[in-house]
């Protein structure tokens, strides 16, 4: 599940709230061991996702770097090339 969490720092344009939310959801799914919580655990699950998303956004807002921002399309192409080499496609 966590392999879907992507680096969100130092991109142009910056990470969107949806990307932060998706990363938080993946993290909580991994930690809880549940892709979809039971009805009894839904409130706790949703609260945890909101807390992780808030902490993630706070972290991204506080991080500083002197490196130039990365281009999402260029990084996606690099990842695709690495995958093709790894899986022989």
PDB file of N, CA and C in Angstrom:
ATOM      1  N   UNK A   1       0.813  -1.200   0.000  1.00  0.00           N
ATOM      2  CA  UNK A   1       0.000   0.000   0.000  1.00  0.00           C
ATOM      3  C   UNK A   1       0.853   1.260   0.000  1.00  0.00           C
ATOM      4  N   UNK A   2       1.905   1.319   0.792  1.00  0.00           N
ATOM      5  CA  UNK A   2       2.684   2.551   0.922  1.00  0.00           C
ATOM      6  C   UNK A   2       3.525   2.859  -0.308  1.00  0.00           C
ATOM      7  N   UNK A   3       3.655   1.929  -1.216  1.00  0.00           N
ATOM      8  CA  UNK A   3       4.443   2.245  -2.403  1.00  0.00           C
ATOM      9  C   UNK A   3       3.769   3.338  -3.219  1.00  0.00           C
ATOM     10  N   UNK A   4       2.505   3.630  -2.929  1.00  0.00           N
ATOM     11  CA  UNK A   4       1.790   4.687  -3.637  1.00  0.00           C
ATOM     12  C   UNK A   4       2.045   6.068  -3.050  1.00  0.00           C
ATOM     13  N   UNK A   5       2.715   6.135  -1.926  1.00  0.00           N
ATOM     14  CA  UNK A   5       3.034   7.439  -1.346  1.00  0.00           C
ATOM     15  C   UNK A   5       4.212   8.005  -2.112  1.00  0.00           C
ATOM     16  N   UNK A   6       4.062   9.195  -2.610  1.00  0.00           N
ATOM     17  CA  UNK A   6       5.086   9.843  -3.420  1.00  0.00           C
ATOM     18  C   UNK A   6       5.700  11.014  -2.674  1.00  0.00           C
ATOM     19  N   UNK A   7       6.895  11.379  -3.090  1.00  0.00           N
ATOM     20  CA  UNK A   7       7.538  12.576  -2.545  1.00  0.00           C
ATOM     21  C   UNK A   7       6.678  13.772  -2.927  1.00  0.00           C
ATOM     22  N   UNK A   8       6.393  14.627  -1.973  1.00  0.00           N
ATOM     23  CA  UNK A   8       5.545  15.790  -2.220  1.00  0.00           C
ATOM     24  C   UNK A   8       6.303  17.104  -2.101  1.00  0.00           C
ATOM     25  N   UNK A   9       7.509  17.047  -1.578  1.00  0.00           N
ATOM     26  CA  UNK A   9       8.283  18.270  -1.317  1.00  0.00           C
ATOM     27  C   UNK A   9       9.063  18.725  -2.542  1.00  0.00           C
ATOM     28  N   UNK A  10       9.120  20.014  -2.735  1.00  0.00           N
ATOM     29  CA  UNK A  10       9.961  20.678  -3.733  1.00  0.00           C
ATOM     30  C   UNK A  10       9.557  20.378  -5.171  1.00  0.00           C
ATOM     31  N   UNK A  11       8.272  20.465  -5.442  1.00  0.00           N
ATOM     32  CA  UNK A  11       7.774  20.335  -6.800  1.00  0.00           C
ATOM     33  C   UNK A  11       7.131  21.637  -7.231  1.00  0.00           C
ATOM     34  N   UNK A  12       7.140  21.863  -8.516  1.00  0.00           N
ATOM     35  CA  UNK A  12       6.448  23.009  -9.085  1.00  0.00           C
ATOM     36  C   UNK A  12       5.442  22.474 -10.084  1.00  0.00           C
ATOM     37  N   UNK A  13       4.169  22.675  -9.901  1.00  0.00           N
ATOM     38  CA  UNK A  13       3.525  23.371  -8.801  1.00  0.00           C
ATOM     39  C   UNK A  13       3.570  22.542  -7.515  1.00  0.00           C
ATOM     40  N   UNK A  14       3.378  23.197  -6.367  1.00  0.00           N
ATOM     41  CA  UNK A  14       3.429  22.486  -5.083  1.00  0.00           C
ATOM     42  C   UNK A  14       2.351  21.395  -4.986  1.00  0.00           C
ATOM     43  N   UNK A  15       2.537  20.518  -4.031  1.00  0.00           N
ATOM     44  CA  UNK A  15       1.567  19.443  -3.803  1.00  0.00           C
ATOM     45  C   UNK A  15       0.188  20.025  -3.530  1.00  0.00           C
ATOM     46  N   UNK A  16      -0.803  19.390  -4.093  1.00  0.00           N
ATOM     47  CA  UNK A  16      -2.182  19.831  -3.900  1.00  0.00           C
ATOM     48  C   UNK A  16      -2.740  19.218  -2.614  1.00  0.00           C
ATOM     49  N   UNK A  17      -3.806  19.796  -2.086  1.00  0.00           N
ATOM     50  CA  UNK A  17      -4.447  19.177  -0.918  1.00  0.00           C
ATOM     51  C   UNK A  17      -4.893  17.739  -1.190  1.00  0.00           C
ATOM     52  N   UNK A  18      -5.296  17.452  -2.421  1.00  0.00           N
ATOM     53  CA  UNK A  18      -5.699  16.081  -2.762  1.00  0.00           C
ATOM     54  C   UNK A  18      -4.520  15.115  -2.676  1.00  0.00           C
ATOM     55  N   UNK A  19      -3.335  15.553  -3.099  1.00  0.00           N
ATOM     56  CA  UNK A  19      -2.145  14.701  -3.011  1.00  0.00           C
ATOM     57  C   UNK A  19      -1.760  14.457  -1.559  1.00  0.00           C
ATOM     58  N   UNK A  20      -1.854  15.483  -0.738  1.00  0.00           N
ATOM     59  CA  UNK A  20      -1.552  15.343   0.688  1.00  0.00           C
ATOM     60  C   UNK A  20      -2.553  14.386   1.328  1.00  0.00           C
ATOM     61  N   UNK A  21      -3.819  14.538   0.990  1.00  0.00           N
ATOM     62  CA  UNK A  21      -4.869  13.669   1.530  1.00  0.00           C
ATOM     63  C   UNK A  21      -4.648  12.221   1.109  1.00  0.00           C
ATOM     64  N   UNK A  22      -4.284  12.004  -0.153  1.00  0.00           N
ATOM     65  CA  UNK A  22      -4.048  10.642  -0.643  1.00  0.00           C
ATOM     66  C   UNK A  22      -2.870   9.993   0.077  1.00  0.00           C
ATOM     67  N   UNK A  23      -1.812  10.754   0.307  1.00  0.00           N
ATOM     68  CA  UNK A  23      -0.659  10.217   1.034  1.00  0.00           C
ATOM     69  C   UNK A  23      -1.047   9.865   2.468  1.00  0.00           C
ATOM     70  N   UNK A  24      -1.833  10.732   3.102  1.00  0.00           N
ATOM     71  CA  UNK A  24      -2.279  10.473   4.472  1.00  0.00           C
ATOM     72  C   UNK A  24      -3.148   9.221   4.525  1.00  0.00           C
ATOM     73  N   UNK A  25      -4.037   9.076   3.574  1.00  0.00           N
ATOM     74  CA  UNK A  25      -4.904   7.895   3.517  1.00  0.00           C
ATOM     75  C   UNK A  25      -4.080   6.624   3.361  1.00  0.00           C
ATOM     76  N   UNK A  26      -3.089   6.636   2.471  1.00  0.00           N
ATOM     77  CA  UNK A  26      -2.241   5.463   2.281  1.00  0.00           C
ATOM     78  C   UNK A  26      -1.473   5.122   3.556  1.00  0.00           C
ATOM     79  N   UNK A  27      -0.968   6.154   4.233  1.00  0.00           N
ATOM     80  CA  UNK A  27      -0.230   5.929   5.477  1.00  0.00           C
ATOM     81  C   UNK A  27      -1.129   5.280   6.531  1.00  0.00           C
ATOM     82  N   UNK A  28      -2.319   5.828   6.721  1.00  0.00           N
ATOM     83  CA  UNK A  28      -3.231   5.294   7.742  1.00  0.00           C
ATOM     84  C   UNK A  28      -3.675   3.883   7.375  1.00  0.00           C
ATOM     85  N   UNK A  29      -3.896   3.628   6.104  1.00  0.00           N
ATOM     86  CA  UNK A  29      -4.233   2.263   5.676  1.00  0.00           C
ATOM     87  C   UNK A  29      -3.121   1.290   6.039  1.00  0.00           C
ATOM     88  N   UNK A  30      -1.891   1.693   5.796  1.00  0.00           N
ATOM     89  CA  UNK A  30      -0.755   0.814   6.081  1.00  0.00           C
ATOM     90  C   UNK A  30      -0.618   0.559   7.576  1.00  0.00           C
ATOM     91  N   UNK A  31      -0.664   1.625   8.349  1.00  0.00           N
ATOM     92  CA  UNK A  31      -0.484   1.496   9.800  1.00  0.00           C
ATOM     93  C   UNK A  31      -1.617   0.679  10.427  1.00  0.00           C
ATOM     94  N   UNK A  32      -2.846   0.903   9.953  1.00  0.00           N
ATOM     95  CA  UNK A  32      -3.989   0.201  10.538  1.00  0.00           C
ATOM     96  C   UNK A  32      -4.122  -1.229  10.014  1.00  0.00           C
ATOM     97  N   UNK A  33      -3.541  -1.492   8.853  1.00  0.00           N
ATOM     98  CA  UNK A  33      -3.674  -2.816   8.253  1.00  0.00           C
ATOM     99  C   UNK A  33      -5.013  -3.026   7.584  1.00  0.00           C
ATOM    100  N   UNK A  34      -5.736  -1.940   7.367  1.00  0.00           N
ATOM    101  CA  UNK A  34      -7.060  -2.050   6.763  1.00  0.00           C
ATOM    102  C   UNK A  34      -7.187  -1.089   5.589  1.00  0.00           C
ATOM    103  N   UNK A  35      -7.517  -1.631   4.427  1.00  0.00           N
ATOM    104  CA  UNK A  35      -7.744  -0.774   3.265  1.00  0.00           C
ATOM    105  C   UNK A  35      -9.062  -0.024   3.418  1.00  0.00           C
ATOM    106  N   UNK A  36     -10.030  -0.680   4.058  1.00  0.00           N
ATOM    107  CA  UNK A  36     -11.323  -0.052   4.337  1.00  0.00           C
ATOM    108  C   UNK A  36     -11.713  -0.453   5.758  1.00  0.00           C
ATOM    109  N   UNK A  37     -11.824   0.523   6.645  1.00  0.00           N
ATOM    110  CA  UNK A  37     -12.147   0.184   8.033  1.00  0.00           C
ATOM    111  C   UNK A  37     -13.593  -0.287   8.186  1.00  0.00           C
ATOM    112  N   UNK A  38     -13.815  -0.998   9.258  1.00  0.00           N
ATOM    113  CA  UNK A  38     -15.181  -1.406   9.579  1.00  0.00           C
ATOM    114  C   UNK A  38     -15.979  -0.180  10.002  1.00  0.00           C
ATOM    115  N   UNK A  39     -17.276  -0.304  10.025  1.00  0.00           N
ATOM    116  CA  UNK A  39     -18.138   0.815  10.425  1.00  0.00           C
ATOM    117  C   UNK A  39     -17.790   1.274  11.840  1.00  0.00           C
ATOM    118  N   UNK A  40     -17.416   0.332  12.714  1.00  0.00           N
ATOM    119  CA  UNK A  40     -17.073   0.676  14.086  1.00  0.00           C
ATOM    120  C   UNK A  40     -15.793   1.500  14.164  1.00  0.00           C
ATOM    121  N   UNK A  41     -14.898   1.346  13.198  1.00  0.00           N
ATOM    122  CA  UNK A  41     -13.615   2.048  13.210  1.00  0.00           C
ATOM    123  C   UNK A  41     -13.548   3.229  12.251  1.00  0.00           C
ATOM    124  N   UNK A  42     -14.617   3.488  11.504  1.00  0.00           N
ATOM    125  CA  UNK A  42     -14.589   4.523  10.477  1.00  0.00           C
ATOM    126  C   UNK A  42     -14.267   5.904  11.043  1.00  0.00           C
ATOM    127  N   UNK A  43     -14.847   6.263  12.160  1.00  0.00           N
ATOM    128  CA  UNK A  43     -14.617   7.596  12.736  1.00  0.00           C
ATOM    129  C   UNK A  43     -13.155   7.763  13.149  1.00  0.00           C
ATOM    130  N   UNK A  44     -12.605   6.747  13.805  1.00  0.00           N
ATOM    131  CA  UNK A  44     -11.202   6.817  14.224  1.00  0.00           C
ATOM    132  C   UNK A  44     -10.286   6.869  13.002  1.00  0.00           C
ATOM    133  N   UNK A  45     -10.613   6.116  11.968  1.00  0.00           N
ATOM    134  CA  UNK A  45      -9.840   6.086  10.729  1.00  0.00           C
ATOM    135  C   UNK A  45      -9.850   7.466  10.065  1.00  0.00           C
ATOM    136  N   UNK A  46     -11.040   8.052   9.930  1.00  0.00           N
ATOM    137  CA  UNK A  46     -11.171   9.373   9.307  1.00  0.00           C
ATOM    138  C   UNK A  46     -10.435  10.451  10.109  1.00  0.00           C
ATOM    139  N   UNK A  47     -10.519  10.357  11.431  1.00  0.00           N
ATOM    140  CA  UNK A  47      -9.822  11.318  12.295  1.00  0.00           C
ATOM    141  C   UNK A  47      -8.306  11.198  12.113  1.00  0.00           C
ATOM    142  N   UNK A  48      -7.817   9.975  12.013  1.00  0.00           N
ATOM    143  CA  UNK A  48      -6.381   9.754  11.818  1.00  0.00           C
ATOM    144  C   UNK A  48      -5.928  10.285  10.468  1.00  0.00           C
ATOM    145  N   UNK A  49      -6.706  10.059   9.417  1.00  0.00           N
ATOM    146  CA  UNK A  49      -6.359  10.572   8.088  1.00  0.00           C
ATOM    147  C   UNK A  49      -6.287  12.093   8.118  1.00  0.00           C
ATOM    148  N   UNK A  50      -7.251  12.737   8.757  1.00  0.00           N
ATOM    149  CA  UNK A  50      -7.253  14.203   8.842  1.00  0.00           C
ATOM    150  C   UNK A  50      -6.034  14.708   9.617  1.00  0.00           C
ATOM    151  N   UNK A  51      -5.676  14.033  10.700  1.00  0.00           N
ATOM    152  CA  UNK A  51      -4.528  14.448  11.511  1.00  0.00           C
ATOM    153  C   UNK A  51      -3.223  14.273  10.742  1.00  0.00           C
ATOM    154  N   UNK A  52      -3.077  13.153  10.042  1.00  0.00           N
ATOM    155  CA  UNK A  52      -1.859  12.914   9.261  1.00  0.00           C
ATOM    156  C   UNK A  52      -1.774  13.908   8.103  1.00  0.00           C
ATOM    157  N   UNK A  53      -2.885  14.197   7.460  1.00  0.00           N
ATOM    158  CA  UNK A  53      -2.886  15.171   6.366  1.00  0.00           C
ATOM    159  C   UNK A  53      -2.482  16.546   6.881  1.00  0.00           C
ATOM    160  N   UNK A  54      -2.998  16.941   8.030  1.00  0.00           N
ATOM    161  CA  UNK A  54      -2.640  18.242   8.608  1.00  0.00           C
ATOM    162  C   UNK A  54      -1.157  18.298   8.967  1.00  0.00           C
ATOM    163  N   UNK A  55      -0.652  17.223   9.565  1.00  0.00           N
ATOM    164  CA  UNK A  55       0.770  17.178   9.920  1.00  0.00           C
ATOM    165  C   UNK A  55       1.647  17.191   8.668  1.00  0.00           C
ATOM    166  N   UNK A  56       1.214  16.496   7.642  1.00  0.00           N
ATOM    167  CA  UNK A  56       1.969  16.470   6.384  1.00  0.00           C
ATOM    168  C   UNK A  56       2.016  17.851   5.757  1.00  0.00           C
ATOM    169  N   UNK A  57       0.885  18.539   5.707  1.00  0.00           N
ATOM    170  CA  UNK A  57       0.846  19.879   5.126  1.00  0.00           C
ATOM    171  C   UNK A  57       1.703  20.840   5.942  1.00  0.00           C
ATOM    172  N   UNK A  58       1.654  20.718   7.264  1.00  0.00           N
ATOM    173  CA  UNK A  58       2.479  21.559   8.135  1.00  0.00           C
ATOM    174  C   UNK A  58       3.967  21.318   7.851  1.00  0.00           C
ATOM    175  N   UNK A  59       4.344  20.060   7.685  1.00  0.00           N
ATOM    176  CA  UNK A  59       5.726  19.728   7.365  1.00  0.00           C
ATOM    177  C   UNK A  59       6.133  20.322   6.020  1.00  0.00           C
ATOM    178  N   UNK A  60       5.316  20.117   5.000  1.00  0.00           N
ATOM    179  CA  UNK A  60       5.640  20.648   3.677  1.00  0.00           C
ATOM    180  C   UNK A  60       5.772  22.165   3.690  1.00  0.00           C
ATOM    181  N   UNK A  61       4.918  22.822   4.451  1.00  0.00           N
ATOM    182  CA  UNK A  61       4.969  24.290   4.544  1.00  0.00           C
ATOM    183  C   UNK A  61       6.226  24.771   5.262  1.00  0.00           C
ATOM    184  N   UNK A  62       6.757  23.971   6.177  1.00  0.00           N
ATOM    185  CA  UNK A  62       7.908  24.379   6.978  1.00  0.00           C
ATOM    186  C   UNK A  62       9.249  24.029   6.331  1.00  0.00           C
ATOM    187  N   UNK A  63       9.270  23.062   5.436  1.00  0.00           N
ATOM    188  CA  UNK A  63      10.532  22.641   4.822  1.00  0.00           C
ATOM    189  C   UNK A  63      11.097  23.734   3.920  1.00  0.00           C
ATOM    190  N   UNK A  64      12.416  23.889   3.971  1.00  0.00           N
ATOM    191  CA  UNK A  64      13.103  24.841   3.101  1.00  0.00           C
ATOM    192  C   UNK A  64      14.198  24.102   2.343  1.00  0.00           C
ATOM    193  N   UNK A  65      14.506  24.603   1.167  1.00  0.00           N
ATOM    194  CA  UNK A  65      15.553  23.996   0.356  1.00  0.00           C
ATOM    195  C   UNK A  65      16.145  25.049  -0.561  1.00  0.00           C
ATOM    196  N   UNK A  66      17.393  24.830  -0.925  1.00  0.00           N
ATOM    197  CA  UNK A  66      18.022  25.726  -1.895  1.00  0.00           C
ATOM    198  C   UNK A  66      18.010  25.096  -3.286  1.00  0.00           C
ATOM    199  N   UNK A  67      17.565  23.841  -3.369  1.00  0.00           N
ATOM    200  CA  UNK A  67      17.489  23.155  -4.661  1.00  0.00           C
ATOM    201  C   UNK A  67      16.340  23.723  -5.481  1.00  0.00           C
ATOM    202  N   UNK A  68      16.512  23.779  -6.783  1.00  0.00           N
ATOM    203  CA  UNK A  68      15.408  24.254  -7.617  1.00  0.00           C
ATOM    204  C   UNK A  68      14.265  23.248  -7.594  1.00  0.00           C
ATOM    205  N   UNK A  69      13.032  23.719  -7.736  1.00  0.00           N
ATOM    206  CA  UNK A  69      11.892  22.799  -7.731  1.00  0.00           C
ATOM    207  C   UNK A  69      11.987  21.799  -8.877  1.00  0.00           C
ATOM    208  N   UNK A  70      11.501  20.591  -8.606  1.00  0.00           N
ATOM    209  CA  UNK A  70      11.497  19.535  -9.615  1.00  0.00           C
ATOM    210  C   UNK A  70      10.235  19.659 -10.467  1.00  0.00           C
ATOM    211  N   UNK A  71      10.346  19.241 -11.710  1.00  0.00           N
ATOM    212  CA  UNK A  71       9.216  19.240 -12.630  1.00  0.00           C
ATOM    213  C   UNK A  71       8.520  17.880 -12.533  1.00  0.00           C
ATOM    214  N   UNK A  72       7.232  17.882 -12.307  1.00  0.00           N
ATOM    215  CA  UNK A  72       6.491  16.631 -12.126  1.00  0.00           C
ATOM    216  C   UNK A  72       6.571  15.723 -13.347  1.00  0.00           C
ATOM    217  N   UNK A  73       6.468  16.297 -14.523  1.00  0.00           N
ATOM    218  CA  UNK A  73       6.493  15.487 -15.744  1.00  0.00           C
ATOM    219  C   UNK A  73       7.863  14.841 -15.964  1.00  0.00           C
ATOM    220  N   UNK A  74       8.924  15.584 -15.684  1.00  0.00           N
ATOM    221  CA  UNK A  74      10.274  15.045 -15.829  1.00  0.00           C
ATOM    222  C   UNK A  74      10.486  13.908 -14.830  1.00  0.00           C
ATOM    223  N   UNK A  75      10.070  14.108 -13.585  1.00  0.00           N
ATOM    224  CA  UNK A  75      10.231  13.066 -12.559  1.00  0.00           C
ATOM    225  C   UNK A  75       9.391  11.832 -12.892  1.00  0.00           C
ATOM    226  N   UNK A  76       8.196  12.036 -13.449  1.00  0.00           N
ATOM    227  CA  UNK A  76       7.354  10.896 -13.844  1.00  0.00           C
ATOM    228  C   UNK A  76       8.009  10.112 -14.970  1.00  0.00           C
ATOM    229  N   UNK A  77       8.625  10.808 -15.920  1.00  0.00           N
ATOM    230  CA  UNK A  77       9.317  10.128 -17.020  1.00  0.00           C
ATOM    231  C   UNK A  77      10.505   9.325 -16.499  1.00  0.00           C
ATOM    232  N   UNK A  78      11.238   9.887 -15.535  1.00  0.00           N
ATOM    233  CA  UNK A  78      12.362   9.158 -14.941  1.00  0.00           C
ATOM    234  C   UNK A  78      11.873   7.883 -14.247  1.00  0.00           C
ATOM    235  N   UNK A  79      10.780   8.000 -13.506  1.00  0.00           N
ATOM    236  CA  UNK A  79      10.230   6.842 -12.801  1.00  0.00           C
ATOM    237  C   UNK A  79       9.764   5.775 -13.787  1.00  0.00           C
ATOM    238  N   UNK A  80       9.164   6.217 -14.875  1.00  0.00           N
ATOM    239  CA  UNK A  80       8.698   5.275 -15.889  1.00  0.00           C
ATOM    240  C   UNK A  80       9.883   4.541 -16.527  1.00  0.00           C
ATOM    241  N   UNK A  81      10.965   5.270 -16.776  1.00  0.00           N
ATOM    242  CA  UNK A  81      12.172   4.652 -17.349  1.00  0.00           C
ATOM    243  C   UNK A  81      12.783   3.648 -16.375  1.00  0.00           C
ATOM    244  N   UNK A  82      12.816   3.996 -15.078  1.00  0.00           N
ATOM    245  CA  UNK A  82      13.346   3.062 -14.085  1.00  0.00           C
ATOM    246  C   UNK A  82      12.498   1.798 -14.024  1.00  0.00           C
ATOM    247  N   UNK A  83      11.181   1.963 -14.084  1.00  0.00           N
ATOM    248  CA  UNK A  83      10.281   0.811 -14.036  1.00  0.00           C
ATOM    249  C   UNK A  83      10.467  -0.062 -15.270  1.00  0.00           C
ATOM    250  N   UNK A  84      10.621   0.558 -16.433  1.00  0.00           N
ATOM    251  CA  UNK A  84      10.820  -0.216 -17.650  1.00  0.00           C
ATOM    252  C   UNK A  84      12.111  -1.021 -17.573  1.00  0.00           C
ATOM    253  N   UNK A  85      13.158  -0.423 -17.022  1.00  0.00           N
ATOM    254  CA  UNK A  85      14.419  -1.133 -16.875  1.00  0.00           C
ATOM    255  C   UNK A  85      14.293  -2.271 -15.858  1.00  0.00           C
ATOM    256  N   UNK A  86      13.612  -1.991 -14.769  1.00  0.00           N
ATOM    257  CA  UNK A  86      13.454  -2.991 -13.710  1.00  0.00           C
ATOM    258  C   UNK A  86      12.624  -4.164 -14.162  1.00  0.00           C
ATOM    259  N   UNK A  87      11.529  -3.899 -14.890  1.00  0.00           N
ATOM    260  CA  UNK A  87      10.595  -4.948 -15.260  1.00  0.00           C
ATOM    261  C   UNK A  87      10.755  -5.397 -16.705  1.00  0.00           C
ATOM    262  N   UNK A  88      11.745  -4.851 -17.406  1.00  0.00           N
ATOM    263  CA  UNK A  88      12.034  -5.296 -18.760  1.00  0.00           C
ATOM    264  C   UNK A  88      10.981  -4.947 -19.780  1.00  0.00           C
ATOM    265  N   UNK A  89      10.354  -3.809 -19.645  1.00  0.00           N
ATOM    266  CA  UNK A  89       9.306  -3.420 -20.605  1.00  0.00           C
ATOM    267  C   UNK A  89       9.761  -2.301 -21.470  1.00  0.00           C
TER     268      UNK A  89
END
